[in-house]
Amino acid sequence: MEKKLKNIASGLLNSFISRNNDVNGYWGIGKLYSLMIQNNCFEIKIDLLAKTMIPENAKFTPLITRFNKKFKNKIAKIDLCVNEISSVYILLHKKEKIDSDNYKLTPLLCSIKVNYKKNIEYHLEVMCRKHNPKLESKSCRNYSI
């Protein structure tokens, strides 16, 4: 079961950092990094089971709901009850000082932590920049929650 959960965690995180993961048509990671800048914080913590995030921001509710459903669907396919999972967090962490005036690429450490009998973790580093609609193409994808 642990190997299956590791595969689910890595797939979910790869999907999360994908360019196909958007918020109102723009890359989700760039929007989340902009939220970090606005709140002058070094970490965003998304609780997929409770469907909450710190710092709070209602703009990300559809993204969180989408990944909550993805996680639950994957868990159901391996015949595991979601109630057996203690917690599932997606974390974005910036190690260096946040430069709010700069649009250069910056590294973010993205992690997923699944607690099922023991912690299962998967980490990726992604290069992103602050969201700027003048420099980005908007997706016309329509997600139904």
N, C-alpha and C. Protein backbone atom coordinates (compact mmCIF):
# COMPACT_ATOMS: atom_id res chain seq x y z
N MET A 1 0.83 -1.20 0.00
CA MET A 1 0.00 0.00 0.00
C MET A 1 0.87 1.26 0.00
N GLU A 2 1.98 1.19 0.71
CA GLU A 2 2.86 2.36 0.79
C GLU A 2 3.39 2.76 -0.59
N LYS A 3 3.76 1.78 -1.39
CA LYS A 3 4.26 2.07 -2.74
C LYS A 3 3.18 2.72 -3.60
N LYS A 4 1.95 2.23 -3.47
CA LYS A 4 0.83 2.82 -4.23
C LYS A 4 0.59 4.26 -3.79
N LEU A 5 0.69 4.52 -2.50
CA LEU A 5 0.50 5.89 -2.00
C LEU A 5 1.63 6.81 -2.48
N LYS A 6 2.85 6.29 -2.54
CA LYS A 6 3.97 7.09 -3.06
C LYS A 6 3.72 7.45 -4.52
N ASN A 7 3.20 6.50 -5.30
CA ASN A 7 2.89 6.78 -6.70
C ASN A 7 1.79 7.82 -6.82
N ILE A 8 0.78 7.72 -5.98
CA ILE A 8 -0.31 8.71 -5.99
C ILE A 8 0.24 10.09 -5.62
N ALA A 9 1.06 10.14 -4.58
CA ALA A 9 1.63 11.42 -4.13
C ALA A 9 2.48 12.06 -5.22
N SER A 10 3.34 11.28 -5.86
CA SER A 10 4.21 11.86 -6.91
C SER A 10 3.38 12.31 -8.10
N GLY A 11 2.38 11.54 -8.49
CA GLY A 11 1.52 11.92 -9.60
C GLY A 11 0.74 13.19 -9.31
N LEU A 12 0.22 13.28 -8.09
CA LEU A 12 -0.54 14.45 -7.69
C LEU A 12 0.33 15.71 -7.69
N LEU A 13 1.55 15.59 -7.15
CA LEU A 13 2.43 16.76 -7.10
C LEU A 13 2.88 17.16 -8.51
N ASN A 14 3.17 16.19 -9.36
CA ASN A 14 3.54 16.52 -10.74
C ASN A 14 2.39 17.22 -11.46
N SER A 15 1.18 16.78 -11.20
CA SER A 15 0.01 17.43 -11.77
C SER A 15 -0.15 18.85 -11.21
N PHE A 16 0.12 19.00 -9.92
CA PHE A 16 -0.02 20.30 -9.25
C PHE A 16 0.93 21.34 -9.84
N ILE A 17 2.17 20.96 -10.14
CA ILE A 17 3.12 21.94 -10.66
C ILE A 17 3.03 22.09 -12.17
N SER A 18 2.21 21.29 -12.81
CA SER A 18 2.07 21.31 -14.26
C SER A 18 1.53 22.66 -14.75
N ARG A 19 1.89 22.98 -15.97
CA ARG A 19 1.35 24.19 -16.61
C ARG A 19 -0.14 24.06 -16.85
N ASN A 20 -0.66 22.84 -16.80
CA ASN A 20 -2.10 22.62 -16.99
C ASN A 20 -2.89 22.86 -15.71
N ASN A 21 -2.22 23.13 -14.62
CA ASN A 21 -2.88 23.45 -13.36
C ASN A 21 -3.02 24.97 -13.30
N ASP A 22 -4.22 25.45 -13.56
CA ASP A 22 -4.37 26.90 -13.56
C ASP A 22 -5.44 27.39 -12.61
N VAL A 23 -5.33 28.67 -12.31
CA VAL A 23 -6.27 29.38 -11.46
C VAL A 23 -6.78 30.55 -12.29
N ASN A 24 -8.05 30.52 -12.62
CA ASN A 24 -8.66 31.54 -13.48
C ASN A 24 -7.88 31.72 -14.78
N GLY A 25 -7.37 30.62 -15.32
CA GLY A 25 -6.70 30.65 -16.61
C GLY A 25 -5.20 30.86 -16.57
N TYR A 26 -4.65 31.15 -15.40
CA TYR A 26 -3.21 31.40 -15.28
C TYR A 26 -2.56 30.31 -14.43
N TRP A 27 -1.26 30.06 -14.68
CA TRP A 27 -0.54 28.99 -14.01
C TRP A 27 -0.68 29.09 -12.50
N GLY A 28 -1.15 28.02 -11.87
CA GLY A 28 -1.41 28.00 -10.43
C GLY A 28 -0.20 28.33 -9.58
N ILE A 29 0.98 27.81 -9.97
CA ILE A 29 2.19 28.06 -9.16
C ILE A 29 2.55 29.55 -9.18
N GLY A 30 2.44 30.19 -10.34
CA GLY A 30 2.71 31.63 -10.42
C GLY A 30 1.75 32.44 -9.57
N LYS A 31 0.48 32.04 -9.58
CA LYS A 31 -0.52 32.73 -8.75
C LYS A 31 -0.25 32.50 -7.26
N LEU A 32 0.15 31.28 -6.91
CA LEU A 32 0.46 31.00 -5.51
C LEU A 32 1.72 31.76 -5.07
N TYR A 33 2.71 31.85 -5.95
CA TYR A 33 3.91 32.61 -5.62
C TYR A 33 3.55 34.09 -5.42
N SER A 34 2.66 34.62 -6.25
CA SER A 34 2.21 36.00 -6.06
C SER A 34 1.51 36.18 -4.71
N LEU A 35 0.75 35.16 -4.30
CA LEU A 35 0.12 35.21 -2.98
C LEU A 35 1.17 35.26 -1.87
N MET A 36 2.25 34.51 -2.04
CA MET A 36 3.35 34.54 -1.06
C MET A 36 3.92 35.95 -0.97
N ILE A 37 4.11 36.58 -2.12
CA ILE A 37 4.65 37.94 -2.15
C ILE A 37 3.70 38.90 -1.45
N GLN A 38 2.41 38.82 -1.79
CA GLN A 38 1.41 39.71 -1.20
C GLN A 38 1.35 39.58 0.33
N ASN A 39 1.53 38.36 0.82
CA ASN A 39 1.44 38.11 2.26
C ASN A 39 2.80 38.10 2.95
N ASN A 40 3.86 38.36 2.17
CA ASN A 40 5.22 38.36 2.69
C ASN A 40 5.49 37.11 3.55
N CYS A 41 5.14 35.96 2.97
CA CYS A 41 5.35 34.71 3.69
C CYS A 41 6.23 33.79 2.84
N PHE A 42 6.84 32.83 3.50
CA PHE A 42 7.77 31.93 2.82
C PHE A 42 7.16 30.55 2.56
N GLU A 43 5.91 30.34 3.00
CA GLU A 43 5.30 29.02 2.82
C GLU A 43 3.80 29.13 2.61
N ILE A 44 3.30 28.27 1.74
CA ILE A 44 1.86 28.08 1.58
C ILE A 44 1.59 26.62 1.92
N LYS A 45 0.58 26.42 2.73
CA LYS A 45 0.22 25.06 3.16
C LYS A 45 -1.22 24.80 2.77
N ILE A 46 -1.41 23.79 1.91
CA ILE A 46 -2.74 23.42 1.44
C ILE A 46 -3.10 22.08 2.08
N ASP A 47 -4.19 22.08 2.82
CA ASP A 47 -4.70 20.86 3.44
C ASP A 47 -5.76 20.29 2.51
N LEU A 48 -5.41 19.22 1.80
CA LEU A 48 -6.34 18.67 0.81
C LEU A 48 -7.56 18.00 1.42
N LEU A 49 -7.44 17.47 2.61
CA LEU A 49 -8.60 16.81 3.23
C LEU A 49 -9.60 17.83 3.78
N ALA A 50 -9.09 18.86 4.44
CA ALA A 50 -9.96 19.90 5.00
C ALA A 50 -10.35 20.94 3.95
N LYS A 51 -9.68 20.91 2.79
CA LYS A 51 -9.88 21.87 1.69
C LYS A 51 -9.67 23.32 2.18
N THR A 52 -8.53 23.52 2.86
CA THR A 52 -8.17 24.85 3.35
C THR A 52 -6.73 25.14 2.96
N MET A 53 -6.35 26.39 3.11
CA MET A 53 -4.95 26.75 2.89
C MET A 53 -4.56 27.91 3.78
N ILE A 54 -3.27 27.98 4.06
CA ILE A 54 -2.69 29.07 4.83
C ILE A 54 -1.58 29.67 3.98
N PRO A 55 -1.61 30.96 3.69
CA PRO A 55 -2.65 31.93 4.05
C PRO A 55 -3.94 31.69 3.26
N GLU A 56 -5.05 32.04 3.87
CA GLU A 56 -6.35 31.85 3.24
C GLU A 56 -6.52 32.78 2.05
N ASN A 57 -7.18 32.26 1.00
CA ASN A 57 -7.53 33.08 -0.15
C ASN A 57 -8.57 32.32 -0.96
N ALA A 58 -9.76 32.86 -1.06
CA ALA A 58 -10.88 32.19 -1.71
C ALA A 58 -10.65 31.95 -3.20
N LYS A 59 -9.75 32.70 -3.83
CA LYS A 59 -9.47 32.51 -5.26
C LYS A 59 -8.97 31.10 -5.56
N PHE A 60 -8.39 30.44 -4.56
CA PHE A 60 -7.79 29.13 -4.77
C PHE A 60 -8.71 27.97 -4.39
N THR A 61 -9.94 28.27 -3.98
CA THR A 61 -10.89 27.23 -3.61
C THR A 61 -11.12 26.23 -4.75
N PRO A 62 -11.34 26.67 -6.00
CA PRO A 62 -11.52 25.68 -7.07
C PRO A 62 -10.30 24.76 -7.26
N LEU A 63 -9.11 25.30 -7.15
CA LEU A 63 -7.89 24.51 -7.28
C LEU A 63 -7.83 23.46 -6.17
N ILE A 64 -8.08 23.87 -4.95
CA ILE A 64 -8.03 22.95 -3.80
C ILE A 64 -9.10 21.87 -3.93
N THR A 65 -10.29 22.26 -4.33
CA THR A 65 -11.39 21.31 -4.51
C THR A 65 -11.06 20.30 -5.60
N ARG A 66 -10.46 20.78 -6.69
CA ARG A 66 -10.08 19.90 -7.80
C ARG A 66 -9.06 18.85 -7.35
N PHE A 67 -8.06 19.26 -6.57
CA PHE A 67 -7.04 18.32 -6.11
C PHE A 67 -7.55 17.43 -4.99
N ASN A 68 -8.49 17.91 -4.20
CA ASN A 68 -9.15 17.06 -3.21
C ASN A 68 -9.86 15.90 -3.92
N LYS A 69 -10.58 16.22 -4.98
CA LYS A 69 -11.30 15.18 -5.74
C LYS A 69 -10.33 14.23 -6.41
N LYS A 70 -9.26 14.76 -7.00
CA LYS A 70 -8.26 13.90 -7.63
C LYS A 70 -7.68 12.91 -6.62
N PHE A 71 -7.35 13.42 -5.45
CA PHE A 71 -6.78 12.55 -4.41
C PHE A 71 -7.76 11.47 -4.01
N LYS A 72 -9.00 11.85 -3.73
CA LYS A 72 -10.01 10.88 -3.31
C LYS A 72 -10.28 9.83 -4.39
N ASN A 73 -10.29 10.25 -5.65
CA ASN A 73 -10.49 9.30 -6.74
C ASN A 73 -9.35 8.30 -6.83
N LYS A 74 -8.12 8.78 -6.68
CA LYS A 74 -6.95 7.89 -6.73
C LYS A 74 -6.95 6.92 -5.56
N ILE A 75 -7.32 7.40 -4.39
CA ILE A 75 -7.36 6.55 -3.19
C ILE A 75 -8.41 5.45 -3.37
N ALA A 76 -9.57 5.82 -3.92
CA ALA A 76 -10.64 4.84 -4.13
C ALA A 76 -10.20 3.73 -5.08
N LYS A 77 -9.38 4.07 -6.07
CA LYS A 77 -8.92 3.08 -7.05
C LYS A 77 -7.99 2.03 -6.45
N ILE A 78 -7.38 2.34 -5.32
CA ILE A 78 -6.51 1.34 -4.67
C ILE A 78 -7.21 0.72 -3.45
N ASP A 79 -8.53 0.90 -3.41
CA ASP A 79 -9.36 0.32 -2.34
C ASP A 79 -8.92 0.74 -0.94
N LEU A 80 -8.61 2.02 -0.82
CA LEU A 80 -8.26 2.58 0.48
C LEU A 80 -9.31 3.63 0.83
N CYS A 81 -9.79 3.60 2.03
CA CYS A 81 -10.79 4.57 2.47
C CYS A 81 -10.08 5.87 2.86
N VAL A 82 -10.60 6.99 2.41
CA VAL A 82 -9.96 8.28 2.72
C VAL A 82 -9.91 8.52 4.22
N ASN A 83 -10.81 7.92 4.98
CA ASN A 83 -10.80 8.06 6.45
C ASN A 83 -9.59 7.42 7.09
N GLU A 84 -8.90 6.55 6.37
CA GLU A 84 -7.69 5.91 6.89
C GLU A 84 -6.47 6.82 6.75
N ILE A 85 -6.61 7.91 5.99
CA ILE A 85 -5.53 8.87 5.79
C ILE A 85 -5.67 9.96 6.84
N SER A 86 -4.62 10.19 7.62
CA SER A 86 -4.66 11.21 8.67
C SER A 86 -4.60 12.62 8.11
N SER A 87 -3.72 12.82 7.12
CA SER A 87 -3.56 14.16 6.55
C SER A 87 -2.91 14.09 5.17
N VAL A 88 -3.20 15.10 4.37
CA VAL A 88 -2.56 15.27 3.06
C VAL A 88 -2.32 16.76 2.88
N TYR A 89 -1.05 17.12 2.78
CA TYR A 89 -0.68 18.53 2.61
C TYR A 89 0.14 18.71 1.35
N ILE A 90 -0.13 19.80 0.65
CA ILE A 90 0.77 20.27 -0.41
C ILE A 90 1.39 21.55 0.14
N LEU A 91 2.71 21.61 0.09
CA LEU A 91 3.44 22.77 0.63
C LEU A 91 4.28 23.41 -0.47
N LEU A 92 4.28 24.71 -0.49
CA LEU A 92 5.18 25.47 -1.35
C LEU A 92 6.05 26.29 -0.43
N HIS A 93 7.36 26.22 -0.64
CA HIS A 93 8.29 26.86 0.27
C HIS A 93 9.34 27.63 -0.52
N LYS A 94 9.55 28.87 -0.12
CA LYS A 94 10.58 29.73 -0.70
C LYS A 94 11.67 29.90 0.34
N LYS A 95 12.89 29.49 0.01
CA LYS A 95 13.98 29.54 0.98
C LYS A 95 14.60 30.93 1.11
N GLU A 96 14.65 31.65 0.01
CA GLU A 96 15.33 32.95 0.00
C GLU A 96 14.34 34.08 0.22
N LYS A 97 14.89 35.26 0.38
CA LYS A 97 14.08 36.47 0.52
C LYS A 97 13.20 36.64 -0.73
N ILE A 98 11.96 37.03 -0.53
CA ILE A 98 11.04 37.25 -1.63
C ILE A 98 11.25 38.64 -2.19
N ASP A 99 11.50 38.70 -3.49
CA ASP A 99 11.73 39.97 -4.17
C ASP A 99 10.46 40.33 -4.92
N SER A 100 9.64 41.22 -4.36
CA SER A 100 8.33 41.52 -4.92
C SER A 100 8.38 42.36 -6.19
N ASP A 101 9.48 43.04 -6.46
CA ASP A 101 9.56 43.90 -7.64
C ASP A 101 10.17 43.21 -8.85
N ASN A 102 10.50 41.95 -8.71
CA ASN A 102 11.24 41.28 -9.76
C ASN A 102 10.39 40.19 -10.41
N TYR A 103 10.50 40.09 -11.74
CA TYR A 103 9.78 39.06 -12.48
C TYR A 103 10.72 37.96 -12.97
N LYS A 104 11.90 37.86 -12.37
CA LYS A 104 12.83 36.81 -12.78
C LYS A 104 12.40 35.46 -12.21
N LEU A 105 12.92 34.39 -12.81
CA LEU A 105 12.60 33.05 -12.32
C LEU A 105 13.21 32.83 -10.95
N THR A 106 12.44 32.18 -10.11
CA THR A 106 12.89 31.90 -8.75
C THR A 106 12.49 30.47 -8.38
N PRO A 107 13.30 29.76 -7.60
CA PRO A 107 12.96 28.39 -7.24
C PRO A 107 11.99 28.30 -6.07
N LEU A 108 11.02 27.40 -6.20
CA LEU A 108 10.10 27.07 -5.11
C LEU A 108 10.20 25.57 -4.87
N LEU A 109 10.28 25.19 -3.62
CA LEU A 109 10.25 23.78 -3.26
C LEU A 109 8.79 23.39 -3.05
N CYS A 110 8.34 22.42 -3.81
CA CYS A 110 6.97 21.94 -3.70
C CYS A 110 7.00 20.53 -3.11
N SER A 111 6.16 20.29 -2.14
CA SER A 111 6.15 19.00 -1.46
C SER A 111 4.72 18.53 -1.26
N ILE A 112 4.58 17.22 -1.18
CA ILE A 112 3.31 16.64 -0.77
C ILE A 112 3.63 15.68 0.37
N LYS A 113 2.79 15.73 1.40
CA LYS A 113 2.97 14.86 2.57
C LYS A 113 1.64 14.14 2.84
N VAL A 114 1.71 12.83 2.80
CA VAL A 114 0.54 12.00 3.05
C VAL A 114 0.83 11.19 4.31
N ASN A 115 -0.05 11.29 5.30
CA ASN A 115 0.13 10.55 6.53
C ASN A 115 -0.84 9.38 6.56
N TYR A 116 -0.29 8.18 6.32
CA TYR A 116 -1.04 6.93 6.39
C TYR A 116 -0.15 5.93 7.11
N LYS A 117 -0.40 5.73 8.36
CA LYS A 117 0.43 4.88 9.24
C LYS A 117 1.82 5.48 9.45
N LYS A 118 2.41 6.03 8.41
CA LYS A 118 3.65 6.79 8.53
C LYS A 118 3.63 7.86 7.44
N ASN A 119 4.55 8.81 7.53
CA ASN A 119 4.56 9.89 6.55
C ASN A 119 5.17 9.44 5.23
N ILE A 120 4.49 9.79 4.16
CA ILE A 120 4.98 9.58 2.80
C ILE A 120 5.17 10.96 2.21
N GLU A 121 6.37 11.24 1.75
CA GLU A 121 6.68 12.57 1.22
C GLU A 121 7.28 12.48 -0.17
N TYR A 122 7.00 13.50 -0.96
CA TYR A 122 7.58 13.61 -2.29
C TYR A 122 7.85 15.10 -2.50
N HIS A 123 9.02 15.42 -3.06
CA HIS A 123 9.44 16.82 -3.22
C HIS A 123 9.88 17.08 -4.66
N LEU A 124 9.59 18.27 -5.13
CA LEU A 124 10.06 18.75 -6.43
C LEU A 124 10.40 20.22 -6.31
N GLU A 125 11.37 20.65 -7.09
CA GLU A 125 11.66 22.08 -7.16
C GLU A 125 11.18 22.57 -8.52
N VAL A 126 10.53 23.71 -8.50
CA VAL A 126 10.01 24.28 -9.74
C VAL A 126 10.46 25.74 -9.83
N MET A 127 10.79 26.15 -11.02
CA MET A 127 11.17 27.55 -11.26
C MET A 127 9.90 28.30 -11.67
N CYS A 128 9.64 29.41 -11.03
CA CYS A 128 8.45 30.19 -11.38
C CYS A 128 8.76 31.67 -11.25
N ARG A 129 7.81 32.44 -11.65
CA ARG A 129 7.91 33.89 -11.46
C ARG A 129 6.56 34.41 -11.00
N LYS A 130 6.60 35.61 -10.49
CA LYS A 130 5.39 36.29 -10.02
C LYS A 130 4.38 36.39 -11.18
N HIS A 131 3.12 36.16 -10.88
CA HIS A 131 2.07 36.23 -11.89
C HIS A 131 1.99 37.63 -12.49
N ASN A 132 1.95 37.69 -13.81
CA ASN A 132 1.79 38.95 -14.52
C ASN A 132 0.97 38.69 -15.78
N PRO A 133 -0.33 39.05 -15.79
CA PRO A 133 -1.18 38.76 -16.94
C PRO A 133 -0.72 39.43 -18.24
N LYS A 134 0.09 40.47 -18.14
CA LYS A 134 0.59 41.14 -19.35
C LYS A 134 1.63 40.29 -20.07
N LEU A 135 2.30 39.40 -19.34
CA LEU A 135 3.34 38.57 -19.92
C LEU A 135 2.89 37.13 -20.18
N GLU A 136 1.70 36.77 -19.72
CA GLU A 136 1.25 35.38 -19.77
C GLU A 136 0.05 35.22 -20.69
N SER A 137 -0.06 34.05 -21.28
CA SER A 137 -1.25 33.70 -22.05
C SER A 137 -2.25 33.06 -21.10
N LYS A 138 -3.50 33.42 -21.28
CA LYS A 138 -4.55 32.89 -20.41
C LYS A 138 -5.17 31.65 -21.05
N SER A 139 -5.33 30.61 -20.26
CA SER A 139 -5.99 29.39 -20.72
C SER A 139 -7.49 29.64 -20.81
N CYS A 140 -8.13 28.98 -21.75
CA CYS A 140 -9.58 29.08 -21.84
C CYS A 140 -10.25 27.81 -21.28
N ARG A 141 -9.45 27.01 -20.57
CA ARG A 141 -9.94 25.77 -19.96
C ARG A 141 -11.04 26.10 -18.96
N ASN A 142 -12.06 25.26 -18.94
CA ASN A 142 -13.16 25.45 -18.00
C ASN A 142 -13.25 24.24 -17.09
N TYR A 143 -12.95 24.43 -15.83
CA TYR A 143 -13.03 23.34 -14.86
C TYR A 143 -14.40 23.33 -14.23
N SER A 144 -14.96 22.15 -14.13
CA SER A 144 -16.20 22.04 -13.34
C SER A 144 -15.83 21.38 -12.03
N ILE A 145 -16.30 21.95 -10.96
CA ILE A 145 -15.93 21.47 -9.61
C ILE A 145 -16.87 20.38 -9.18
